[in-house]
Amino acid sequence: MEHGSHAGRASSWAAVSVMLLGFLTGGIALCVGPNWLFFWIGAGLIAVGGILALAFDIFSDVIVDAPRVISAAEHHSPFERQ
């Protein structure tokens, strides 16, 4: 991964895609029926995606930048603290 990128690795996106597929499957199953078989299949896919996310350590994709100092815009509010 390139320095300064917030895109993530392909393995991380695969885990997120599995969880998204499970969420969509379960959501559609609730809307059309409810179809409990497909709901639980969706829940299972979410669990599998979570296990993949832990195995792929997707939280290590986050790059913490140095704190940014941004000057506050001047405004005149009666609630402004002095």
Protein backbone atom coordinates (compact mmCIF):
# COMPACT_ATOMS: atom_id res chain seq x y z
CA MET A 1 0.00 0.00 0.00
CA GLU A 2 1.22 3.42 -0.92
CA HIS A 3 1.97 5.94 1.86
CA GLY A 4 -0.86 8.39 2.47
CA SER A 5 -3.55 6.25 0.84
CA HIS A 6 -6.89 5.60 2.53
CA ALA A 7 -8.06 3.15 -0.14
CA GLY A 8 -7.34 -0.09 1.74
CA ARG A 9 -6.14 -3.44 0.51
CA ALA A 10 -8.03 -5.75 -1.84
CA SER A 11 -8.41 -8.33 0.93
CA SER A 12 -10.06 -5.74 3.16
CA TRP A 13 -12.49 -4.80 0.43
CA ALA A 14 -13.28 -8.49 -0.12
CA ALA A 15 -14.28 -8.84 3.55
CA VAL A 16 -16.42 -5.70 3.36
CA SER A 17 -18.02 -6.95 0.14
CA VAL A 18 -19.00 -10.25 1.78
CA MET A 19 -20.58 -8.35 4.68
CA LEU A 20 -22.41 -6.02 2.29
CA LEU A 21 -23.71 -8.99 0.30
CA GLY A 22 -24.97 -10.56 3.53
CA PHE A 23 -26.68 -7.34 4.59
CA LEU A 24 -28.37 -6.97 1.22
CA THR A 25 -29.47 -10.62 1.20
CA GLY A 26 -30.97 -10.37 4.67
CA GLY A 27 -32.62 -7.02 3.95
CA ILE A 28 -34.21 -8.18 0.72
CA ALA A 29 -35.33 -11.40 2.42
CA LEU A 30 -37.16 -9.38 5.07
CA CYS A 31 -38.82 -7.16 2.48
CA VAL A 32 -40.15 -9.91 0.19
CA GLY A 33 -41.58 -12.25 2.73
CA PRO A 34 -40.13 -12.40 5.23
CA ASN A 35 -38.13 -15.29 3.88
CA TRP A 36 -36.36 -16.54 6.99
CA LEU A 37 -34.06 -18.96 5.17
CA PHE A 38 -32.49 -16.18 3.12
CA PHE A 39 -32.45 -13.87 6.14
CA TRP A 40 -30.31 -16.36 8.09
CA ILE A 41 -28.13 -16.97 5.04
CA GLY A 42 -27.52 -13.21 4.97
CA ALA A 43 -26.76 -13.20 8.69
CA GLY A 44 -24.29 -16.03 8.13
CA LEU A 45 -22.58 -14.08 5.35
CA ILE A 46 -22.23 -11.10 7.67
CA ALA A 47 -20.62 -13.34 10.28
CA VAL A 48 -18.26 -14.86 7.70
CA GLY A 49 -17.33 -11.36 6.51
CA GLY A 50 -16.62 -10.32 10.09
CA ILE A 51 -14.33 -13.30 10.58
CA LEU A 52 -12.56 -12.46 7.31
CA ALA A 53 -12.20 -8.85 8.47
CA LEU A 54 -10.54 -10.02 11.67
CA ALA A 55 -8.30 -12.45 9.78
CA PHE A 56 -7.26 -9.80 7.24
CA ASP A 57 -6.78 -7.17 9.99
CA ILE A 58 -8.66 -4.48 8.07
CA PHE A 59 -8.15 -1.89 10.79
CA SER A 60 -4.44 -1.79 9.96
CA ASP A 61 -5.38 -0.13 6.64
CA VAL A 62 -6.14 3.14 8.42
CA ILE A 63 -3.39 5.72 8.28
CA VAL A 64 -3.43 8.21 11.11
CA ASP A 65 -2.26 11.60 9.91
CA ALA A 66 -0.64 14.21 12.09
CA PRO A 67 -3.17 16.53 13.75
CA ARG A 68 -4.10 19.49 11.60
CA VAL A 69 -4.31 22.96 13.04
CA ILE A 70 -6.98 25.01 11.32
CA SER A 71 -7.58 28.55 12.45
CA ALA A 72 -11.15 29.29 13.40
CA ALA A 73 -13.09 31.70 11.24
CA GLU A 74 -13.86 34.98 12.94
CA HIS A 75 -17.49 35.27 13.96
CA HIS A 76 -19.41 37.41 16.41
CA SER A 77 -21.83 35.31 18.34
CA PRO A 78 -23.42 36.16 21.68
CA PHE A 79 -22.60 32.58 22.74
CA GLU A 80 -18.91 32.83 21.87
CA ARG A 81 -16.61 32.06 24.76
CA GLN A 82 -13.90 34.54 25.43
